[in-house]
Protein backbone atom coordinates (compact mmCIF):
# COMPACT_ATOMS: atom_id res chain seq x y z
CA MET A 1 72.33 50.71 71.66
CA GLY A 2 70.01 49.66 75.16
CA ARG A 3 70.58 51.54 78.43
CA ILE A 4 72.57 53.96 79.90
CA GLU A 5 73.76 51.82 82.02
CA ASP A 6 75.52 49.36 79.84
CA PHE A 7 77.52 52.44 78.19
CA ASP A 8 81.04 52.94 79.44
CA SER A 9 82.08 56.37 80.65
CA PHE A 10 84.28 56.93 77.18
CA GLU A 11 81.34 56.32 74.84
CA THR A 12 79.33 58.63 76.62
CA GLU A 13 81.60 61.16 76.83
CA GLU A 14 82.05 61.21 73.07
CA MET A 15 78.32 61.24 72.34
CA ILE A 16 77.78 64.16 74.73
CA LYS A 17 80.89 65.68 72.64
CA THR A 18 79.51 65.51 69.45
CA THR A 19 75.61 66.67 70.45
CA MET A 20 77.43 69.71 72.13
CA THR A 21 79.28 70.86 69.48
CA SER A 22 76.65 69.79 66.49
CA LYS A 23 76.14 72.52 63.95
CA TRP A 24 72.23 72.42 64.43
CA ARG A 25 72.90 72.80 68.54
CA LEU A 26 70.32 75.75 69.56
CA ASN A 27 71.03 78.92 71.69
CA TYR A 28 68.14 79.35 73.87
CA HIS A 29 66.22 76.20 73.90
CA VAL A 30 65.88 73.43 75.89
CA GLN A 31 67.75 70.41 74.05
CA PRO A 32 69.06 66.89 75.22
CA VAL A 33 73.18 66.88 76.03
CA MET A 34 72.50 63.30 73.94
CA GLY A 35 70.36 60.89 72.89
CA LYS A 36 66.35 61.54 72.23
CA LEU A 37 64.46 64.67 74.10
CA GLY A 38 60.56 63.08 74.59
CA ALA A 39 58.03 64.87 75.59
CA PRO A 40 58.13 67.24 78.53
CA CYS A 41 55.76 65.27 81.46
CA GLY A 42 56.05 67.42 84.81
CA PHE A 43 56.30 71.52 85.11
CA PHE A 44 55.85 73.24 88.46
CA TYR A 45 57.05 76.65 89.75
CA ILE A 46 57.98 76.56 93.82
CA ASN A 47 60.15 78.28 95.86
CA GLY A 48 61.22 80.77 93.48
CA LEU A 49 62.56 77.85 90.87
CA TYR A 50 61.07 76.34 87.81
CA HIS A 51 60.97 72.58 87.20
CA LEU A 52 60.59 70.62 84.08
CA PHE A 53 60.99 67.16 83.74
CA TYR A 54 61.06 65.26 80.15
CA GLU A 55 61.65 61.63 78.82
CA TRP A 56 64.35 60.84 77.48
CA THR A 57 66.71 57.66 76.01
CA PRO A 58 69.99 57.65 75.51
CA SER A 59 70.30 57.05 71.67
CA VAL A 60 67.99 58.54 68.94
CA THR A 61 66.98 55.18 68.12
CA ASP A 62 66.33 53.48 71.77
CA GLU A 63 62.87 52.94 73.18
CA GLU A 64 63.70 52.72 77.06
CA LYS A 65 62.93 55.98 78.63
CA TYR A 66 64.43 58.02 81.54
CA LEU A 67 62.95 61.05 83.22
CA TYR A 68 65.47 63.85 83.07
CA HIS A 69 65.37 66.97 85.09
CA VAL A 70 65.75 70.94 84.22
CA THR A 71 65.56 73.78 86.36
CA SER A 72 65.41 77.56 85.79
CA GLU A 73 65.17 80.47 87.52
CA ASP A 74 63.32 82.88 85.07
CA LEU A 75 61.95 80.76 82.12
CA VAL A 76 65.48 81.93 79.97
CA HIS A 77 68.18 80.40 81.52
CA PHE A 78 68.29 76.47 82.43
CA ASN A 79 70.25 74.07 84.23
CA ASN A 80 70.06 70.71 83.24
CA GLU A 81 69.97 68.28 86.65
CA GLY A 82 70.00 65.25 84.93
CA ILE A 83 68.52 61.79 85.14
CA LYS A 84 66.29 61.41 87.55
CA VAL A 85 63.82 58.48 87.20
CA ARG A 86 64.99 55.14 85.77
CA PRO A 87 63.21 52.00 84.60
CA ASP A 88 64.75 49.83 87.42
CA ASP A 89 62.22 48.87 90.09
CA LEU A 90 59.68 45.83 90.00
CA TYR A 91 56.85 48.28 88.01
CA ASP A 92 58.82 50.19 85.62
CA LYS A 93 61.58 47.62 84.77
CA TYR A 94 60.49 47.27 81.46
CA ASN A 95 59.37 51.08 80.40
CA LEU A 96 58.24 54.14 81.66
CA TYR A 97 56.28 57.52 80.44
CA GLY A 98 56.74 60.51 81.95
CA GLY A 99 52.96 61.84 83.71
CA SER A 100 53.05 65.11 85.68
CA LEU A 101 54.42 67.26 88.99
CA SER A 102 52.03 68.46 91.55
CA LEU A 103 52.13 69.79 95.03
CA ILE A 104 50.55 66.97 97.35
CA ASN A 105 50.82 67.16 101.51
CA ASN A 106 53.17 70.13 100.67
CA GLU A 107 55.45 67.67 98.99
CA LEU A 108 56.45 68.53 95.27
CA THR A 109 55.46 64.81 93.62
CA LEU A 110 56.36 63.38 90.58
CA PHE A 111 53.49 61.19 88.76
CA PHE A 112 54.73 58.72 85.61
CA THR A 113 53.49 55.38 84.28
CA GLY A 114 55.59 52.19 84.53
CA GLU A 115 55.42 49.03 82.62
CA GLN A 116 56.33 45.38 83.62
CA GLU A 117 56.89 42.27 81.97
CA LYS A 118 55.19 39.12 83.01
CA ASN A 119 53.92 35.89 81.10
CA ASP A 120 50.85 37.16 80.41
CA GLY A 121 52.15 40.41 78.80
CA ILE A 122 52.66 43.93 79.93
CA HIS A 123 51.10 45.24 82.69
CA THR A 124 50.76 49.27 83.25
CA TYR A 125 50.75 51.27 86.30
CA GLN A 126 50.71 54.45 87.64
CA LEU A 127 53.49 55.55 89.63
CA ALA A 128 54.60 58.30 91.56
CA GLY A 129 57.67 59.99 93.79
CA THR A 130 58.35 62.74 95.66
CA VAL A 131 61.17 65.17 94.62
CA ASP A 132 63.35 66.29 98.02
CA THR A 133 65.49 69.35 98.03
CA ASP A 134 68.70 67.91 96.44
CA PHE A 135 66.40 67.28 93.50
CA ASN A 136 66.13 63.58 94.10
CA VAL A 137 62.95 61.61 93.12
CA LYS A 138 62.18 58.88 96.15
CA LYS A 139 59.62 56.55 94.13
CA PHE A 140 56.65 55.47 95.84
CA SER A 141 57.20 51.59 96.96
CA THR A 142 53.92 50.78 95.89
CA PRO A 143 51.69 52.31 92.68
CA ILE A 144 49.12 54.24 93.21
CA LEU A 145 47.25 52.87 90.33
CA ARG A 146 47.64 48.85 89.51
CA GLU A 147 44.90 48.54 86.85
CA ILE A 148 42.59 50.46 84.64
CA GLU A 149 38.59 49.80 84.53
CA PRO A 150 36.60 47.32 82.74
CA GLY A 151 36.06 48.55 79.72
CA TYR A 152 39.38 50.58 78.92
CA ASN A 153 42.14 49.27 76.96
CA THR A 154 45.31 48.84 78.72
CA TYR A 155 47.09 51.13 77.17
CA PHE A 156 46.47 53.82 80.04
CA ARG A 157 49.57 56.68 80.50
CA ASN A 158 50.70 60.08 81.61
CA PRO A 159 48.81 60.77 85.07
CA TYR A 160 47.78 64.26 85.28
CA VAL A 161 46.83 64.94 89.29
CA PHE A 162 45.46 68.44 90.46
CA SER A 163 44.00 69.02 94.09
CA CYS A 164 40.35 70.49 94.38
CA ASP A 165 38.01 70.99 97.22
CA GLY A 166 40.22 68.95 99.26
CA GLU A 167 40.47 66.00 96.86
CA ILE A 168 43.07 64.83 94.78
CA ASN A 169 42.31 64.26 91.28
CA MET A 170 43.94 61.95 88.48
CA MET A 171 42.93 62.21 84.85
CA ILE A 172 44.79 59.63 82.63
CA GLY A 173 44.64 59.34 78.82
CA THR A 174 43.46 55.99 77.21
CA MET A 175 41.27 54.13 75.01
CA ASN A 176 37.81 52.56 75.41
CA SER A 177 36.92 48.84 74.37
CA ASP A 178 36.02 50.21 70.76
CA GLU A 179 39.31 52.10 70.25
CA PHE A 180 38.62 55.61 70.54
CA GLY A 181 40.08 58.19 72.91
CA ARG A 182 39.08 58.74 76.35
CA ILE A 183 40.20 60.68 79.26
CA ILE A 184 39.11 58.70 82.79
CA MET A 185 38.80 60.29 86.34
CA TYR A 186 40.30 59.06 89.50
CA ARG A 187 40.05 60.87 93.25
CA GLY A 188 40.26 60.56 96.83
CA LYS A 189 41.25 62.14 100.15
CA SER A 190 44.59 60.69 99.74
CA LEU A 191 46.46 59.18 97.01
CA ASN A 192 46.18 55.80 98.73
CA ASP A 193 41.99 55.82 98.21
CA LEU A 194 41.80 57.16 94.93
CA LYS A 195 38.91 55.61 92.96
CA PHE A 196 37.56 55.68 89.72
CA ILE A 197 34.76 58.07 89.13
CA GLY A 198 33.99 58.08 85.32
CA GLU A 199 34.74 59.20 81.99
CA ILE A 200 34.84 62.51 81.19
CA ASN A 201 32.09 63.53 79.02
CA THR A 202 33.48 65.92 76.22
CA GLY A 203 30.63 64.79 73.57
CA TYR A 204 33.87 63.93 71.43
CA ASP A 205 32.67 60.26 70.97
CA MET A 206 34.79 59.02 67.97
CA PHE A 207 37.81 61.49 67.93
CA GLY A 208 40.94 59.81 67.59
CA TYR A 209 41.85 56.37 69.05
CA PHE A 210 43.94 57.62 71.88
CA TRP A 211 44.05 60.66 73.84
CA GLU A 212 47.43 61.48 75.54
CA SER A 213 48.32 64.02 78.30
CA PRO A 214 45.48 65.20 79.30
CA GLU A 215 45.48 68.51 81.35
CA LEU A 216 42.53 70.43 83.08
CA PHE A 217 43.31 74.24 84.49
CA HIS A 218 41.29 77.47 85.43
CA LEU A 219 42.25 80.53 83.31
CA ASP A 220 40.68 83.82 82.75
CA ASP A 221 37.05 82.62 84.17
CA ALA A 222 36.69 79.48 82.04
CA GLU A 223 38.36 76.29 82.25
CA VAL A 224 40.98 74.77 79.93
CA LEU A 225 41.33 71.00 78.82
CA ILE A 226 43.95 70.02 76.61
CA ILE A 227 44.33 66.87 75.41
CA ASN A 228 46.36 65.11 72.63
CA PRO A 229 44.71 62.69 70.12
CA ARG A 230 45.98 60.26 68.09
CA GLY A 231 44.56 59.13 64.89
CA LEU A 232 42.74 61.80 63.53
CA ASP A 233 41.99 62.62 59.87
CA LYS A 234 43.06 65.83 57.73
CA TYR A 235 40.32 68.21 57.24
CA LYS A 236 41.49 71.12 55.03
CA ASP A 237 44.16 72.93 57.09
CA LEU A 238 43.58 70.87 60.28
CA PHE A 239 45.37 68.17 61.57
CA TRP A 240 48.44 67.21 58.98
CA ASN A 241 50.65 66.38 61.90
CA ILE A 242 50.97 62.71 62.64
CA TYR A 243 49.67 63.51 66.53
CA GLN A 244 47.85 66.72 67.15
CA SER A 245 47.91 68.60 70.41
CA GLY A 246 44.90 71.15 71.04
CA TYR A 247 42.61 72.14 73.74
CA MET A 248 38.81 73.26 74.82
CA ILE A 249 37.58 76.01 76.14
CA ASN A 250 34.79 74.88 78.58
CA ASP A 251 32.77 74.92 81.60
CA PHE A 252 33.91 71.61 83.68
CA GLU A 253 31.41 70.16 86.16
CA TYR A 254 33.48 68.88 89.32
CA GLY A 255 30.75 66.55 90.15
CA SER A 256 29.57 65.07 86.94
CA LEU A 257 32.82 65.35 84.82
CA PHE A 258 30.42 66.63 82.46
CA VAL A 259 31.99 69.41 79.94
CA ASN A 260 30.13 71.96 78.04
CA HIS A 261 32.46 73.60 75.80
CA ASP A 262 33.83 75.05 72.38
CA ASP A 263 35.37 73.72 69.41
CA TYR A 264 38.22 71.30 70.01
CA ARG A 265 40.98 73.72 68.61
CA GLU A 266 44.63 73.05 67.82
CA PHE A 267 47.19 75.04 69.26
CA ASP A 268 50.13 75.45 66.49
CA SER A 269 49.79 75.25 63.10
CA GLY A 270 53.39 74.33 62.16
CA PHE A 271 55.22 70.60 61.95
CA ASP A 272 56.98 70.58 64.88
CA PHE A 273 54.62 70.90 68.09
CA TYR A 274 53.16 68.34 70.86
CA ARG A 275 52.26 67.63 74.13
CA PRO A 276 52.33 70.77 75.94
CA VAL A 277 52.35 71.09 79.76
CA THR A 278 51.65 73.92 81.95
CA THR A 279 52.32 76.02 85.19
CA THR A 280 51.73 79.40 86.71
CA ASP A 281 54.34 81.56 86.70
CA LYS A 282 55.73 83.22 90.15
CA ASP A 283 53.22 86.21 88.83
CA GLY A 284 50.50 83.86 88.29
CA ARG A 285 50.40 83.79 84.83
CA ARG A 286 49.74 80.34 83.11
CA VAL A 287 52.89 79.10 81.10
CA LEU A 288 53.13 76.51 78.55
CA ILE A 289 55.87 74.80 77.07
CA ALA A 290 55.48 72.11 74.41
CA TRP A 291 57.80 69.88 72.90
CA MET A 292 59.26 70.73 69.62
CA SER A 293 58.89 67.59 67.84
CA ALA A 294 56.88 65.60 65.26
CA HIS A 295 56.54 62.41 66.88
CA GLU A 296 58.18 59.72 65.14
CA SER A 297 59.38 62.24 62.05
CA GLN A 298 63.43 61.88 61.69
CA TYR A 299 65.53 64.95 62.16
CA PRO A 300 68.72 65.60 60.40
CA THR A 301 70.58 65.91 64.19
CA GLU A 302 70.34 62.34 64.44
CA VAL A 303 73.44 61.91 62.85
CA ASP A 304 75.22 63.72 65.27
CA GLY A 305 73.57 61.44 68.23
CA TRP A 306 70.66 63.57 69.37
CA LYS A 307 67.20 64.92 68.47
CA ASN A 308 64.49 67.19 69.51
CA ALA A 309 64.11 70.22 71.62
CA LEU A 310 61.26 72.32 73.51
CA THR A 311 59.66 75.01 72.66
CA LEU A 312 59.91 78.60 74.16
CA PRO A 313 57.75 79.59 77.27
CA ARG A 314 54.60 80.85 75.97
CA VAL A 315 52.07 83.02 78.57
CA LEU A 316 48.65 81.98 77.88
CA ASN A 317 45.35 83.98 78.15
CA VAL A 318 41.52 83.43 76.88
CA SER A 319 39.75 85.68 74.23
CA ASN A 320 36.39 84.76 72.67
CA ASP A 321 36.83 81.17 73.32
CA PHE A 322 40.41 81.01 72.16
CA LEU A 323 44.25 80.33 73.74
CA ILE A 324 46.17 83.59 73.08
CA GLN A 325 49.74 82.17 73.21
CA THR A 326 52.34 84.76 73.86
CA PRO A 327 56.34 84.90 74.17
CA HIS A 328 56.91 84.86 77.84
CA PRO A 329 58.31 88.38 78.79
CA ASN A 330 61.47 87.35 80.39
CA LEU A 331 62.65 86.63 77.10
CA LYS A 332 63.52 90.41 76.41
CA SER A 333 66.41 89.93 78.42
CA LEU A 334 67.83 87.80 75.66
CA ARG A 335 67.79 90.82 72.82
CA LYS A 336 71.43 92.28 72.04
CA GLU A 337 71.61 94.65 69.04
CA LYS A 338 68.54 96.49 67.94
CA LEU A 339 67.71 96.99 64.36
CA THR A 340 64.81 98.97 63.06
CA ALA A 341 63.51 99.90 59.27
CA MET A 342 60.58 101.04 57.59
CA GLY A 343 59.30 101.40 54.01
CA TYR A 344 57.41 100.25 51.26
CA PHE A 345 58.07 96.56 49.30
CA ASN A 346 56.96 95.73 46.29
CA GLU A 347 57.67 92.80 43.64
CA HIS A 348 61.19 93.51 43.30
CA ARG A 349 63.03 91.16 46.11
CA LYS A 350 64.73 93.39 48.43
CA GLN A 351 66.96 92.06 50.53
CA LEU A 352 67.76 93.79 54.14
CA THR A 353 71.45 93.26 54.43
CA ASP A 354 71.59 94.75 58.08
CA PHE A 355 68.96 92.06 58.96
CA TYR A 356 70.95 88.77 58.46
CA GLY A 357 71.45 86.26 61.16
CA SER A 358 70.94 82.49 62.79
CA SER A 359 69.57 83.68 65.87
CA TYR A 360 67.40 86.30 66.10
CA GLU A 361 63.97 88.10 67.26
CA LEU A 362 61.92 89.71 64.33
CA ASN A 363 59.31 91.54 64.65
CA ILE A 364 56.75 93.03 61.49
CA ASP A 365 54.45 95.26 61.76
CA ILE A 366 52.27 95.84 58.77
CA LYS A 367 51.13 99.19 58.59
CA GLU A 368 49.40 99.42 54.80
CA ASN A 369 48.65 96.49 52.64
CA ASN A 370 48.13 97.00 49.01
CA ALA A 371 48.95 93.51 47.46
CA LYS A 372 47.34 90.34 47.08
CA GLU A 373 50.37 88.55 48.40
CA LEU A 374 53.38 89.24 51.27
CA ASN A 375 56.49 87.00 51.10
CA PHE A 376 59.23 87.08 53.87
CA MET A 377 62.13 84.92 53.21
CA LEU A 378 64.02 83.71 56.31
CA ARG A 379 67.49 81.91 56.66
CA LYS A 380 68.07 82.84 52.79
CA SER A 381 71.11 81.72 50.69
CA ASN A 382 71.24 81.39 47.08
CA ARG A 383 70.16 77.76 47.49
CA GLU A 384 67.89 77.84 50.68
CA GLU A 385 65.13 80.04 52.30
CA THR A 386 62.14 79.46 54.89
CA ILE A 387 59.38 81.34 53.55
CA ILE A 388 56.19 82.52 55.23
CA HIS A 389 53.49 83.45 52.92
CA TYR A 390 50.28 85.62 53.05
CA ASN A 391 47.22 85.51 50.41
CA THR A 392 45.82 88.51 51.55
CA ASP A 393 42.23 87.90 49.60
CA GLU A 394 41.89 84.07 51.05
CA ASN A 395 43.25 85.73 54.67
CA ARG A 396 45.75 83.09 54.66
CA ILE A 397 49.15 82.39 55.94
CA THR A 398 51.58 79.62 54.91
CA LEU A 399 54.99 78.39 56.56
CA ASP A 400 56.65 77.04 53.77
CA ARG A 401 60.34 74.92 54.65
CA THR A 402 60.21 73.40 51.26
CA PHE A 403 63.95 74.64 50.78
CA SER A 404 64.59 75.33 54.10
CA GLY A 405 67.96 72.77 54.28
CA ALA A 406 68.42 69.37 54.88
CA LEU A 407 65.30 67.47 54.97
CA ILE A 408 63.26 65.85 57.52
CA SER A 409 61.62 62.53 56.74
CA ASN A 410 58.47 61.01 57.91
CA VAL A 411 56.26 64.02 57.33
CA ASP A 412 53.45 64.77 55.49
CA GLY A 413 54.66 67.51 52.78
CA THR A 414 56.40 70.94 53.23
CA LYS A 415 53.76 73.30 53.74
CA ARG A 416 51.44 74.45 56.53
CA SER A 417 48.75 76.72 56.28
CA LYS A 418 46.26 78.69 58.63
CA VAL A 419 43.22 81.06 57.53
CA LEU A 420 43.54 83.60 60.25
CA ASN A 421 40.34 85.24 62.13
CA ARG A 422 41.16 88.68 61.23
CA PRO A 423 43.67 90.55 58.47
CA LEU A 424 47.53 89.81 59.02
CA GLU A 425 48.77 92.67 61.23
CA HIS A 426 51.78 91.58 63.50
CA LEU A 427 54.30 89.01 63.41
CA GLN A 428 56.91 88.23 65.71
CA ILE A 429 59.18 85.38 64.77
CA PHE A 430 62.00 83.65 67.12
CA MET A 431 64.59 82.43 65.10
CA ASP A 432 67.59 79.90 66.54
CA GLU A 433 69.91 77.76 64.87
CA SER A 434 67.54 75.08 63.76
CA SER A 435 63.87 76.02 64.84
CA ILE A 436 61.69 78.98 63.80
CA GLU A 437 58.51 79.80 66.26
CA ILE A 438 56.49 82.58 64.98
CA PHE A 439 53.37 84.17 66.83
CA ILE A 440 50.93 85.91 64.61
CA ASN A 441 48.62 88.85 65.46
CA GLY A 442 49.58 89.10 68.87
CA GLY A 443 49.65 85.30 69.68
CA GLU A 444 46.05 84.63 68.58
CA HIS A 445 48.00 82.11 66.33
CA THR A 446 51.37 80.10 66.20
CA MET A 447 53.55 78.25 63.67
CA THR A 448 56.36 76.22 64.91
CA ALA A 449 58.89 74.22 62.88
CA ARG A 450 62.33 72.77 62.85
CA ILE A 451 64.38 73.65 60.34
CA PHE A 452 68.17 73.11 59.41
CA PRO A 453 69.78 75.16 56.94
CA ARG A 454 73.48 75.91 56.16
CA GLU A 455 75.54 78.10 57.96
CA GLU A 456 75.70 80.55 54.94
CA SER A 457 71.92 80.77 54.82
CA VAL A 458 71.32 83.85 57.30
CA GLY A 459 69.82 86.43 55.04
CA VAL A 460 66.49 88.14 54.93
CA GLU A 461 64.57 89.14 51.77
CA VAL A 462 60.80 90.64 51.17
CA MET A 463 58.76 90.80 48.40
CA THR A 464 54.98 91.24 47.17
CA GLU A 465 52.94 90.12 44.35
CA ASP A 466 50.77 92.63 42.69
CA GLY A 467 51.37 95.78 44.76
CA ASP A 468 52.87 97.19 47.59
CA CYS A 469 53.03 96.98 51.71
CA PHE A 470 54.14 99.30 53.97
CA VAL A 471 55.81 97.76 57.35
CA GLU A 472 57.74 98.30 60.34
CA MET A 473 60.46 95.74 61.28
CA THR A 474 62.52 95.33 64.43
CA HIS A 475 65.12 92.99 64.34
CA TYR A 476 67.16 92.02 68.02
CA LYS A 477 69.92 89.78 68.00
CA LEU A 478 69.28 87.16 70.73
CA GLY A 479 71.83 85.67 73.43
CA LYS A 480 72.37 82.35 74.40
CA PHE A 481 72.28 80.70 78.01
CA LYS A 482 74.78 78.23 78.86
CA GLU A 483 74.65 75.06 78.89
CA ASN A 484 75.80 72.27 81.12
CA SER A 485 76.54 68.93 80.03
CA ILE A 486 75.11 67.08 82.98
CA LEU A 487 73.69 63.33 82.31
CA THR A 488 73.29 62.23 85.87
CA SER A 489 73.20 65.01 88.39
CA ARG A 490 75.24 68.55 89.01
CA LYS A 491 76.46 69.85 92.37
CA LYS A 492 74.27 72.27 94.42
CA ILE A 493 75.64 75.66 94.96
């Protein structure tokens, strides 16, 4: 449909109204007021406020990107602040892509990528702008990087900027001339004198054709390197989504750019998780939020003029060279009525009549498991169910959305599985109107998915195969945060 500047006010109001009244509208997740929510591209806590930017397009079919801004005081309730970067200047008029937020010279600075169309093709630039106290972004008049180094493809974007030892560092994902993914580093005393210092040496020489949105941070006496590679081949239960998001726990040598790391591990074993961003919260915890989407998949909400959402904020910790992801503790403030149940279940389906709902947190503690298989059927009706299946012998958990509701297209299969590090002991499940996020064994593994069931699909059932299981279950109904339907900006109080 084009750029938002070409929409008339009536058309925009009708699109927002249709979006905000969609039957699959989420209750406690960041989502667009209309159009397509793209990947998060800047996350930072400063002066008592969390700032989060994401890529946004006016309709679900457009490719012309804007950068949209949301804020939060607690990582539970979010305010829409509106579009803050438009593709309207010389260096980004063709299109723009997100990057990162960082504090540079005591100014909150947004870094992003712009594209310019010339007679000889598309030129790519790394751009920046400062965020003022009214949350407006003042773009720098000239790029901070005009071109990539020889030997790398001009397809380079999503700058990640951080300071270390009095120097400014910019990491950029790209591909080399052989079309294998790489991260390159620029460094300088200021943004005006960034110099190319080399390629980060991960040892992964042929691992996907392009690495998006790299990030590097210190956590629990280790360095964590995030990369989002495109073009990985499926292997057993790994790499089944269109594009992947993962990390390496490593020792990073700042001077040589050498990374001595453990294996590359996927963040999430579900369907809809990509391009996470992190920040530290007010208590110093490392917090992650990701795009709750599989890039290029088509979702049922598109008929209502909107698409995609962001995950819940997750606290990260390192344990035995794995990242542990747990729901941010502030999310407990969403809890309403509490119900508990304890007892055995077996091969006969058992309906938990008091645990019904479409927006809840469900905690399952497995006290004793004598069964070969466990099944937890959620968002259950006569026609639909979303199944969490656990095979005791194989120690394998599977998320099955074969009959979860309206179909999602351009996705490979309807099941995702993961072999656990240890037997299943605990599940913490966050169900929203059209999403499910599962934290397994205290966050050792996670599985995230969008699901689109009918309104009547609210039941919960359990059953085993070949044996019984003793569980304790706690169910909380969850509240919602109020959305403000802001497209451009809102008045500050």
